[in-house]
Amino acid sequence: MKVYIEPIGKLINEFSKLPGVGAKTAQRYAYKIINMSEEEAQSFSEAIINAKKNVHYCKVCGNFSEGGICDICKIRSSETVCVVKEPKDVIAIEKLNEFNGVYHVLHGTISPLDGIGPDDINIKGLLERISHGGVKEVIMATNPDVEGEATAMYISNLIKPLGIKVTRLAHGIPIGTDLEYADEVSLARAFVDRKTI
């Protein structure tokens, strides 16, 4: 005997594919959708489809953008480039209102155990940006875990010979913590106390 009728079971299955969503949470989400009005459900589904159709990667930095180039790249000076793992890390730093440079999103970190090497992330794009001139400092803001540290060291070794200052966020953030989960005080302190590597 089936526990759920097919439409609810399918909805629960789809929600359970999302990161961090277990069986019980997926079930709660499914029931919430079922109990929405037709208009609310339509609005919810349109928001998903709209985001999927209209959100792209910025051609310059790799952050999310509605057009070819994101708003940050359009208006800010590119003298200081903050290198992060994922677009959600840009949001974490932007909430601080401490940084007025631009970003470069790697879309991953070097992780040999997972088969991810330097050519599998957006390091080439960063080196191309630097080659155009004008960059004075690169801030390595990858997560303070083994992969993030390895990626930061690899990139700094590529950039240092070019005569560009390379800094790393200070370790005010506990080791093993993803930037999106760090409290704002620790993240702000780490940003202010960054050091040359």
Protein backbone atom coordinates (compact mmCIF):
# COMPACT_ATOMS: atom_id res chain seq x y z
CA MET A 1 0.00 0.00 0.00
CA LYS A 2 1.26 3.48 -0.92
CA VAL A 3 1.89 5.89 1.93
CA TYR A 4 1.21 8.96 -0.25
CA ILE A 5 -0.95 9.42 -3.31
CA GLU A 6 1.21 9.87 -6.39
CA PRO A 7 1.07 13.71 -6.77
CA ILE A 8 2.07 14.25 -3.12
CA GLY A 9 4.73 11.53 -3.25
CA LYS A 10 6.25 13.12 -6.36
CA LEU A 11 6.25 16.56 -4.73
CA ILE A 12 7.92 15.19 -1.58
CA ASN A 13 10.49 13.41 -3.75
CA GLU A 14 11.34 16.66 -5.62
CA PHE A 15 11.71 18.68 -2.40
CA SER A 16 13.93 15.98 -0.87
CA LYS A 17 16.42 16.54 -3.73
CA LEU A 18 17.19 20.02 -2.38
CA PRO A 19 20.31 20.33 -0.22
CA GLY A 20 19.62 20.13 3.50
CA VAL A 21 16.04 18.97 3.03
CA GLY A 22 15.30 15.66 4.73
CA ALA A 23 12.20 13.49 4.42
CA LYS A 24 10.19 15.28 7.13
CA THR A 25 11.01 18.76 5.82
CA ALA A 26 10.17 17.67 2.27
CA GLN A 27 6.84 16.38 3.55
CA ARG A 28 6.11 19.71 5.32
CA TYR A 29 6.97 21.65 2.15
CA ALA A 30 4.71 19.40 0.06
CA TYR A 31 1.79 19.84 2.45
CA LYS A 32 2.35 23.61 2.44
CA ILE A 33 2.11 23.65 -1.36
CA ILE A 34 -1.04 21.50 -1.32
CA ASN A 35 -2.68 23.91 1.15
CA MET A 36 -1.81 27.02 -0.90
CA SER A 37 -4.45 28.75 -2.95
CA GLU A 38 -4.29 28.24 -6.72
CA GLU A 39 -2.91 31.79 -7.09
CA GLU A 40 -0.20 31.27 -4.47
CA ALA A 41 0.88 27.98 -6.05
CA GLN A 42 0.94 29.62 -9.49
CA SER A 43 3.04 32.52 -8.15
CA PHE A 44 5.43 30.08 -6.47
CA SER A 45 5.92 28.01 -9.64
CA GLU A 46 6.33 31.16 -11.77
CA ALA A 47 9.05 32.43 -9.39
CA ILE A 48 10.98 29.18 -9.87
CA ILE A 49 10.63 29.23 -13.66
CA ASN A 50 11.46 32.95 -13.84
CA ALA A 51 14.63 32.48 -11.76
CA LYS A 52 15.70 29.52 -13.88
CA LYS A 53 15.16 31.44 -17.14
CA ASN A 54 16.56 34.81 -16.13
CA VAL A 55 19.43 34.18 -13.72
CA HIS A 56 22.78 33.72 -15.46
CA TYR A 57 26.43 34.00 -14.51
CA CYS A 58 28.12 37.38 -14.91
CA LYS A 59 30.54 37.27 -17.85
CA VAL A 60 33.16 39.11 -15.79
CA CYS A 61 33.04 37.70 -12.26
CA GLY A 62 30.86 34.58 -12.38
CA ASN A 63 28.32 35.90 -9.84
CA PHE A 64 24.58 35.65 -10.49
CA SER A 65 23.24 38.25 -12.90
CA GLU A 66 20.07 39.02 -14.82
CA GLY A 67 22.05 40.33 -17.77
CA GLY A 68 25.51 39.77 -19.19
CA ILE A 69 27.33 41.70 -16.46
CA CYS A 70 26.25 41.96 -12.81
CA ASP A 71 25.52 45.28 -11.10
CA ILE A 72 28.64 45.05 -8.91
CA CYS A 73 30.99 44.72 -11.90
CA LYS A 74 29.21 47.60 -13.67
CA ILE A 75 29.67 50.19 -10.93
CA ARG A 76 32.68 49.29 -8.76
CA SER A 77 36.40 49.73 -9.18
CA SER A 78 38.24 46.54 -10.10
CA GLU A 79 41.42 47.48 -8.20
CA THR A 80 40.50 45.00 -5.44
CA VAL A 81 39.12 41.58 -6.35
CA CYS A 82 37.65 39.31 -3.67
CA VAL A 83 37.83 35.64 -4.68
CA VAL A 84 35.06 33.41 -3.31
CA LYS A 85 33.92 29.83 -3.83
CA GLU A 86 30.26 30.38 -4.72
CA PRO A 87 27.77 33.20 -5.44
CA LYS A 88 26.19 32.77 -1.98
CA ASP A 89 29.55 33.87 -0.50
CA VAL A 90 29.21 37.20 -2.34
CA ILE A 91 25.92 37.77 -0.51
CA ALA A 92 27.51 36.95 2.87
CA ILE A 93 30.25 39.55 2.30
CA GLU A 94 27.91 42.16 0.80
CA LYS A 95 25.76 42.07 3.96
CA LEU A 96 28.73 43.47 5.90
CA ASN A 97 28.91 46.74 3.96
CA GLU A 98 32.70 46.59 4.49
CA PHE A 99 33.90 45.81 0.96
CA ASN A 100 33.59 48.09 -2.06
CA GLY A 101 35.61 46.17 -4.64
CA VAL A 102 34.54 43.47 -7.07
CA TYR A 103 34.30 39.70 -6.78
CA HIS A 104 35.49 36.65 -8.62
CA VAL A 105 33.48 33.45 -8.14
CA LEU A 106 35.43 30.21 -8.60
CA HIS A 107 32.38 27.90 -8.59
CA GLY A 108 34.22 25.38 -6.47
CA THR A 109 37.56 24.70 -4.83
CA ILE A 110 40.43 22.40 -5.64
CA SER A 111 39.66 18.97 -4.19
CA PRO A 112 41.74 16.08 -5.54
CA LEU A 113 39.73 13.55 -3.52
CA ASP A 114 36.60 14.66 -5.40
CA GLY A 115 38.43 14.80 -8.73
CA ILE A 116 38.34 18.62 -8.89
CA GLY A 117 41.55 20.19 -10.15
CA PRO A 118 42.57 23.78 -10.96
CA ASP A 119 41.17 23.50 -14.50
CA ASP A 120 37.73 22.55 -13.15
CA ILE A 121 37.12 25.88 -11.40
CA ASN A 122 37.20 29.49 -12.64
CA ILE A 123 40.89 30.25 -12.06
CA LYS A 124 41.56 30.96 -15.74
CA GLY A 125 38.92 33.73 -15.70
CA LEU A 126 40.65 35.37 -12.72
CA LEU A 127 44.04 35.32 -14.44
CA GLU A 128 42.46 36.84 -17.58
CA ARG A 129 40.97 39.67 -15.49
CA ILE A 130 44.33 40.36 -13.90
CA SER A 131 46.08 40.36 -17.30
CA HIS A 132 43.91 43.29 -18.41
CA GLY A 133 45.59 45.45 -15.75
CA GLY A 134 44.27 47.64 -12.99
CA VAL A 135 44.09 44.96 -10.26
CA LYS A 136 46.17 45.96 -7.22
CA GLU A 137 44.97 43.43 -4.62
CA VAL A 138 43.38 39.99 -4.69
CA ILE A 139 41.64 38.93 -1.46
CA MET A 140 41.36 35.17 -1.05
CA ALA A 141 38.01 34.62 0.71
CA THR A 142 37.58 30.90 0.16
CA ASN A 143 36.28 28.87 3.10
CA PRO A 144 38.82 28.15 5.88
CA ASP A 145 38.77 24.39 5.27
CA VAL A 146 41.36 22.12 3.64
CA GLU A 147 40.04 22.67 0.10
CA GLY A 148 39.65 26.43 0.57
CA GLU A 149 43.16 26.78 1.97
CA ALA A 150 44.66 24.67 -0.83
CA THR A 151 42.83 26.74 -3.44
CA ALA A 152 43.94 30.02 -1.85
CA MET A 153 47.59 28.91 -1.77
CA TYR A 154 47.47 27.63 -5.36
CA ILE A 155 46.00 30.89 -6.68
CA SER A 156 48.33 33.09 -4.59
CA ASN A 157 51.32 31.23 -6.03
CA LEU A 158 50.08 32.07 -9.53
CA ILE A 159 49.41 35.75 -8.76
CA LYS A 160 52.36 36.78 -6.55
CA PRO A 161 54.92 36.65 -9.40
CA LEU A 162 52.76 39.22 -11.23
CA GLY A 163 53.52 41.80 -8.53
CA ILE A 164 49.95 41.93 -7.23
CA LYS A 165 49.26 41.97 -3.50
CA VAL A 166 47.49 38.80 -2.35
CA THR A 167 45.72 38.74 1.02
CA ARG A 168 43.74 36.10 2.89
CA LEU A 169 40.83 36.62 5.26
CA ALA A 170 42.05 36.42 8.85
CA HIS A 171 41.01 33.34 10.77
CA GLY A 172 38.31 34.98 12.85
CA ILE A 173 36.06 32.38 11.25
CA PRO A 174 36.22 28.92 12.82
CA ILE A 175 37.97 26.31 10.67
CA GLY A 176 35.47 24.18 8.79
CA THR A 177 32.74 26.84 8.72
CA ASP A 178 31.16 27.82 5.39
CA LEU A 179 31.01 31.60 4.90
CA GLU A 180 27.23 31.60 4.53
CA TYR A 181 26.88 30.21 8.08
CA ALA A 182 29.46 32.42 9.79
CA ASP A 183 28.10 35.07 12.13
CA GLU A 184 28.47 38.60 10.82
CA VAL A 185 30.77 39.80 13.61
CA SER A 186 33.31 37.01 13.00
CA LEU A 187 33.10 37.47 9.24
CA ALA A 188 33.53 41.26 9.54
CA ARG A 189 36.53 40.83 11.88
CA ALA A 190 38.12 38.31 9.52
CA PHE A 191 37.61 40.69 6.61
CA VAL A 192 39.17 43.68 8.40
CA ASP A 193 42.12 41.61 9.71
CA ARG A 194 43.01 39.94 6.43
CA LYS A 195 46.74 39.40 5.90
CA THR A 196 49.18 38.95 3.05
CA ILE A 197 49.93 35.34 2.11
